[in-house]
């Protein structure tokens, strides 16, 4: 059995769940028995919407071994401090893997790393992990795309950051995809500054239907670009240099904060076209071979 622990919360959103679902669905197609571990019931429902049912809710990283047993394979995708469990889990499970956006992170106890760029001879697989569902329809749907710009902040906005940029959004006249963790009263406020609001369940359809997407989610940026969307990623601070380099390699425009002129320049630029995407089935194949599954 292989378990993927994806940290999820009102503060961190569902990016980790999205990439975990992409990988587990691909591994299941290869005959691997898998399980998804999340931190809250809402994340489990979102995983079901993404095509993976049966997620198990646990409290924290410390509870992974309450579900996964000795002999199982475990992948950790979390911002939680790992020091308290890393060696213990590496010794306890058949294998341990870590998903990270930090290229400087090195394997300490033989764990396999999944990150944007790998160094030579390290146990590592390069990401991003993009669900094949977002790539497959590109050729069929590209001519039908709506030109209105869609903004996808992410699945959470606990600090109501969007409202602090209300003048920007009113000036740009964008549509908004709501996040799974947005509060009901927050939606009422957002309806005053966006042309139209969409429910979170519309995510996959909108990636296939829109011509341009501005997003604060790196995972969304990768998936939108893979679907053939003209995509820009809003940096809000704290993103690793190697993650930004991987985004740029996929022809995703990097915009600092919410600079209106930079956004206008991005929309006026001729679209560069989609770069080759590392297919999730290739990543699952590499991982299965490394783990001897």
Protein backbone atom coordinates (compact mmCIF):
# COMPACT_ATOMS: atom_id res chain seq x y z
CA UNK A 1 0.00 0.00 0.00
CA UNK A 2 1.20 3.51 -0.82
CA UNK A 3 -0.07 6.49 1.18
CA UNK A 4 0.17 10.15 0.18
CA UNK A 5 -0.14 12.61 3.06
CA UNK A 6 -1.25 16.02 1.71
CA UNK A 7 -1.45 18.82 4.25
CA UNK A 8 -4.63 20.87 3.85
CA UNK A 9 -6.20 23.73 5.79
CA UNK A 10 -7.98 27.10 5.56
CA UNK A 11 -4.53 28.72 5.58
CA UNK A 12 -2.67 26.51 3.09
CA UNK A 13 -5.44 25.52 0.69
CA UNK A 14 -5.48 22.42 -1.48
CA UNK A 15 -2.46 22.64 -3.79
CA UNK A 16 -0.89 19.63 -2.07
CA UNK A 17 -4.14 17.68 -2.34
CA UNK A 18 -4.40 18.47 -6.05
CA UNK A 19 -0.93 17.18 -6.90
CA UNK A 20 -1.40 14.19 -4.60
CA UNK A 21 -4.62 13.25 -6.35
CA UNK A 22 -2.91 13.54 -9.75
CA UNK A 23 -0.14 11.15 -8.70
CA UNK A 24 -2.38 8.63 -6.94
CA UNK A 25 -4.82 8.42 -9.85
CA UNK A 26 -1.89 7.66 -12.15
CA UNK A 27 -0.45 5.05 -9.76
CA UNK A 28 -3.85 3.40 -9.52
CA UNK A 29 -3.91 3.10 -13.31
CA UNK A 30 -0.64 1.18 -12.93
CA UNK A 31 -2.23 -1.22 -10.47
CA UNK A 32 -0.78 0.27 -7.27
CA UNK A 33 -3.04 0.26 -4.19
CA UNK A 34 -3.06 3.78 -2.77
CA UNK A 35 -4.58 5.93 -0.03
CA UNK A 36 -4.82 9.70 0.46
CA UNK A 37 -4.40 11.24 3.92
CA UNK A 38 -5.68 14.79 4.51
CA UNK A 39 -6.27 17.06 7.50
CA UNK A 40 -9.94 17.94 7.19
CA UNK A 41 -13.20 16.61 5.82
CA UNK A 42 -13.52 19.42 3.26
CA UNK A 43 -10.25 18.38 1.63
CA UNK A 44 -11.58 14.84 1.30
CA UNK A 45 -14.67 16.12 -0.49
CA UNK A 46 -12.48 18.19 -2.82
CA UNK A 47 -10.39 15.11 -3.61
CA UNK A 48 -13.61 13.32 -4.55
CA UNK A 49 -14.51 16.17 -6.92
CA UNK A 50 -11.06 15.72 -8.49
CA UNK A 51 -11.70 12.03 -9.09
CA UNK A 52 -10.23 10.31 -6.04
CA UNK A 53 -12.61 9.08 -3.36
CA UNK A 54 -11.99 7.56 0.05
CA UNK A 55 -9.53 10.06 1.58
CA UNK A 56 -8.81 9.47 5.28
CA UNK A 57 -8.71 12.44 7.66
CA UNK A 58 -5.91 12.64 10.25
CA UNK A 59 -4.85 15.47 12.56
CA UNK A 60 -1.17 16.04 11.72
CA UNK A 61 2.01 14.52 10.34
CA UNK A 62 2.41 12.73 13.68
CA UNK A 63 -0.62 10.58 12.91
CA UNK A 64 0.53 9.13 9.59
CA UNK A 65 1.71 5.92 11.28
CA UNK A 66 -1.71 5.50 12.87
CA UNK A 67 -2.97 4.60 9.37
CA UNK A 68 0.09 3.48 7.38
CA UNK A 69 1.72 0.29 8.63
CA UNK A 70 5.23 -1.12 8.54
CA UNK A 71 5.89 -2.31 5.00
CA UNK A 72 3.77 0.45 3.42
CA UNK A 73 5.19 3.20 1.22
CA UNK A 74 4.60 6.80 2.37
CA UNK A 75 4.84 10.16 0.57
CA UNK A 76 4.81 13.33 2.70
CA UNK A 77 3.69 16.65 1.19
CA UNK A 78 3.49 19.10 4.08
CA UNK A 79 4.89 22.40 5.43
CA UNK A 80 4.98 20.92 8.96
CA UNK A 81 8.39 20.47 10.63
CA UNK A 82 9.68 17.04 9.63
CA UNK A 83 12.48 16.61 12.16
CA UNK A 84 10.28 14.92 14.75
CA UNK A 85 9.30 12.09 12.42
CA UNK A 86 11.60 11.96 9.36
CA UNK A 87 14.13 9.35 10.55
CA UNK A 88 11.49 7.35 12.39
CA UNK A 89 9.31 7.13 9.29
CA UNK A 90 12.30 6.39 7.04
CA UNK A 91 13.17 3.44 9.30
CA UNK A 92 9.58 2.30 9.84
CA UNK A 93 8.11 2.27 6.34
CA UNK A 94 9.19 0.34 3.26
CA UNK A 95 10.03 3.70 1.65
CA UNK A 96 9.65 7.37 2.40
CA UNK A 97 9.29 10.16 -0.19
CA UNK A 98 9.06 13.93 0.24
CA UNK A 99 7.34 16.43 -2.07
CA UNK A 100 8.83 19.93 -1.94
CA UNK A 101 9.16 23.15 -3.93
CA UNK A 102 12.61 23.76 -2.41
CA UNK A 103 15.34 22.48 -4.71
CA UNK A 104 17.98 22.91 -1.98
CA UNK A 105 16.36 20.19 0.14
CA UNK A 106 18.52 17.07 0.20
CA UNK A 107 17.77 13.46 1.08
CA UNK A 108 18.99 12.68 4.60
CA UNK A 109 17.79 9.15 5.29
CA UNK A 110 17.43 7.73 1.81
CA UNK A 111 14.03 9.32 1.18
CA UNK A 112 13.08 10.00 -2.44
CA UNK A 113 12.52 13.68 -3.29
CA UNK A 114 9.93 15.02 -5.70
CA UNK A 115 10.82 18.63 -6.55
CA UNK A 116 11.05 21.08 -9.50
CA UNK A 117 14.70 20.30 -10.36
CA UNK A 118 16.90 17.39 -9.31
CA UNK A 119 20.64 17.22 -8.82
CA UNK A 120 22.66 14.50 -10.46
CA UNK A 121 22.77 11.14 -8.64
CA UNK A 122 20.28 12.06 -5.92
CA UNK A 123 17.15 9.93 -5.32
CA UNK A 124 14.80 12.40 -6.97
CA UNK A 125 11.97 12.81 -9.49
CA UNK A 126 11.27 16.17 -11.13
CA UNK A 127 7.86 17.79 -10.83
CA UNK A 128 5.28 19.42 -11.31
CA UNK A 129 2.60 16.76 -10.99
CA UNK A 130 -0.28 17.66 -13.30
CA UNK A 131 -3.43 15.61 -13.68
CA UNK A 132 -3.66 14.29 -17.23
CA UNK A 133 -7.33 15.36 -17.31
CA UNK A 134 -6.19 18.95 -17.85
CA UNK A 135 -3.91 18.11 -20.78
CA UNK A 136 -6.03 15.70 -22.79
CA UNK A 137 -8.71 18.09 -24.09
CA UNK A 138 -6.40 20.91 -25.21
CA UNK A 139 -6.53 20.21 -28.92
CA UNK A 140 -10.29 19.79 -28.96
CA UNK A 141 -11.23 22.80 -26.85
CA UNK A 142 -8.64 25.47 -27.66
CA UNK A 143 -10.75 27.14 -30.37
CA UNK A 144 -13.78 27.56 -28.12
CA UNK A 145 -12.12 29.54 -25.32
CA UNK A 146 -13.76 32.56 -23.71
CA UNK A 147 -11.58 35.68 -23.73
CA UNK A 148 -12.64 37.08 -20.34
CA UNK A 149 -9.80 36.83 -17.80
CA UNK A 150 -10.45 34.44 -14.92
CA UNK A 151 -8.77 35.01 -11.56
CA UNK A 152 -8.07 31.98 -9.37
CA UNK A 153 -6.50 33.13 -6.13
CA UNK A 154 -6.40 29.59 -4.75
CA UNK A 155 -8.57 27.48 -2.49
CA UNK A 156 -8.22 29.72 0.57
CA UNK A 157 -7.92 33.41 1.45
CA UNK A 158 -8.01 33.31 5.24
CA UNK A 159 -6.66 36.86 5.54
CA UNK A 160 -8.98 38.27 2.83
CA UNK A 161 -6.02 39.41 0.74
CA UNK A 162 -8.18 39.75 -2.35
CA UNK A 163 -10.14 42.58 -0.75
CA UNK A 164 -6.94 44.53 -0.09
CA UNK A 165 -6.53 44.73 -3.89
CA UNK A 166 -10.15 45.61 -4.70
CA UNK A 167 -9.17 48.65 -6.82
CA UNK A 168 -7.00 46.42 -9.00
CA UNK A 169 -9.77 43.90 -9.62
CA UNK A 170 -12.43 46.51 -10.26
CA UNK A 171 -10.17 48.14 -12.84
CA UNK A 172 -9.38 44.81 -14.54
CA UNK A 173 -13.02 43.60 -14.62
CA UNK A 174 -12.22 39.90 -14.09
CA UNK A 175 -14.25 36.83 -13.20
CA UNK A 176 -13.39 34.85 -10.05
CA UNK A 177 -13.32 31.17 -9.22
CA UNK A 178 -14.21 30.80 -5.54
CA UNK A 179 -12.01 28.66 -3.31
CA UNK A 180 -13.18 25.59 -1.40
CA UNK A 181 -12.35 27.31 1.89
CA UNK A 182 -13.95 30.69 1.15
CA UNK A 183 -16.58 31.72 3.71
CA UNK A 184 -20.16 32.45 2.60
CA UNK A 185 -20.13 36.08 3.76
CA UNK A 186 -16.80 36.54 1.98
CA UNK A 187 -18.44 35.51 -1.26
CA UNK A 188 -20.94 38.35 -0.84
CA UNK A 189 -18.09 40.86 -0.53
CA UNK A 190 -16.27 39.44 -3.53
CA UNK A 191 -19.38 39.68 -5.69
CA UNK A 192 -19.06 43.46 -5.44
CA UNK A 193 -15.66 43.60 -7.18
CA UNK A 194 -15.80 40.77 -9.76
CA UNK A 195 -17.93 40.51 -12.87
CA UNK A 196 -18.97 36.91 -12.14
CA UNK A 197 -18.25 34.27 -9.48
CA UNK A 198 -17.89 30.55 -10.18
CA UNK A 199 -18.19 27.66 -7.73
CA UNK A 200 -15.02 25.64 -6.94
CA UNK A 201 -16.43 22.56 -8.67
CA UNK A 202 -16.14 24.43 -12.00
CA UNK A 203 -12.32 24.39 -11.80
CA UNK A 204 -11.64 21.68 -14.37
CA UNK A 205 -14.18 22.95 -16.89
CA UNK A 206 -12.91 26.53 -16.65
CA UNK A 207 -9.30 25.47 -17.27
CA UNK A 208 -10.47 24.00 -20.55
CA UNK A 209 -12.70 26.92 -21.51
CA UNK A 210 -10.80 30.14 -20.65
CA UNK A 211 -8.17 31.83 -22.78
CA UNK A 212 -6.39 33.65 -19.91
CA UNK A 213 -6.03 32.88 -16.20
CA UNK A 214 -4.32 34.93 -13.50
CA UNK A 215 -3.65 32.88 -10.37
CA UNK A 216 -2.01 32.95 -6.97
CA UNK A 217 -1.72 29.15 -6.92
CA UNK A 218 1.38 27.56 -8.43
CA UNK A 219 -0.44 24.26 -8.91
CA UNK A 220 -3.25 26.00 -10.75
CA UNK A 221 -0.70 27.84 -12.91
CA UNK A 222 0.94 24.57 -13.96
CA UNK A 223 -2.41 22.93 -14.70
CA UNK A 224 -3.78 25.92 -16.61
CA UNK A 225 -0.63 26.19 -18.73
CA UNK A 226 -0.79 22.46 -19.45
CA UNK A 227 -4.37 22.94 -20.64
CA UNK A 228 -3.22 25.57 -23.13
CA UNK A 229 -4.31 28.66 -21.18
CA UNK A 230 -2.37 31.93 -21.34
CA UNK A 231 -1.33 31.90 -17.67
CA UNK A 232 0.23 34.36 -15.22
CA UNK A 233 1.27 33.62 -11.64
CA UNK A 234 1.08 36.29 -8.93
CA UNK A 235 4.01 36.05 -6.50
CA UNK A 236 3.04 37.06 -2.98
CA UNK A 237 6.42 36.40 -1.35
CA UNK A 238 8.06 33.23 -0.08
CA UNK A 239 8.13 31.30 -3.36
CA UNK A 240 11.38 29.47 -3.99
CA UNK A 241 13.57 30.57 -6.90
CA UNK A 242 13.52 27.09 -8.38
CA UNK A 243 9.71 26.99 -8.33
CA UNK A 244 9.59 30.33 -10.17
CA UNK A 245 12.15 29.03 -12.67
CA UNK A 246 9.99 25.96 -13.33
CA UNK A 247 6.93 28.18 -13.81
CA UNK A 248 8.78 30.36 -16.31
CA UNK A 249 9.98 27.28 -18.21
CA UNK A 250 6.32 26.43 -18.80
CA UNK A 251 5.73 29.88 -20.36
CA UNK A 252 3.93 31.12 -17.25
CA UNK A 253 4.34 34.85 -16.71
CA UNK A 254 5.60 35.80 -13.23
CA UNK A 255 4.02 38.96 -11.77
CA UNK A 256 5.09 40.47 -8.45
CA UNK A 257 2.12 41.17 -6.21
CA UNK A 258 -0.73 42.79 -8.15
CA UNK A 259 0.98 45.19 -10.55
CA UNK A 260 -1.71 46.43 -12.90
CA UNK A 261 0.67 47.52 -15.66
CA UNK A 262 2.47 44.17 -15.64
CA UNK A 263 -0.85 42.36 -15.92
CA UNK A 264 -1.90 44.55 -18.85
CA UNK A 265 1.46 43.89 -20.57
CA UNK A 266 0.98 40.15 -20.08
CA UNK A 267 -2.48 40.26 -21.65
CA UNK A 268 -1.19 42.29 -24.61
CA UNK A 269 1.76 39.99 -25.29
CA UNK A 270 1.54 37.39 -28.00
CA UNK A 271 0.99 34.00 -26.40
CA UNK A 272 4.13 31.84 -26.50
CA UNK A 273 2.34 28.53 -26.72
CA UNK A 274 2.35 25.52 -24.44
CA UNK A 275 5.66 23.94 -23.46
CA UNK A 276 6.03 20.19 -23.27
CA UNK A 277 4.53 18.95 -20.01
CA UNK A 278 6.03 16.13 -17.99
CA UNK A 279 3.17 13.65 -18.10
CA UNK A 280 2.01 12.44 -14.68
CA UNK A 281 2.10 8.84 -15.93
CA UNK A 282 5.85 9.22 -16.55
CA UNK A 283 6.30 10.44 -12.96
CA UNK A 284 4.29 7.54 -11.56
CA UNK A 285 6.30 5.13 -13.70
CA UNK A 286 9.59 6.53 -12.34
CA UNK A 287 8.31 6.32 -8.78
CA UNK A 288 6.98 2.79 -9.17
CA UNK A 289 10.33 1.64 -10.54
CA UNK A 290 12.29 3.35 -7.77
CA UNK A 291 10.08 1.75 -5.11
CA UNK A 292 9.93 -1.65 -6.82
CA UNK A 293 6.14 -1.66 -6.57
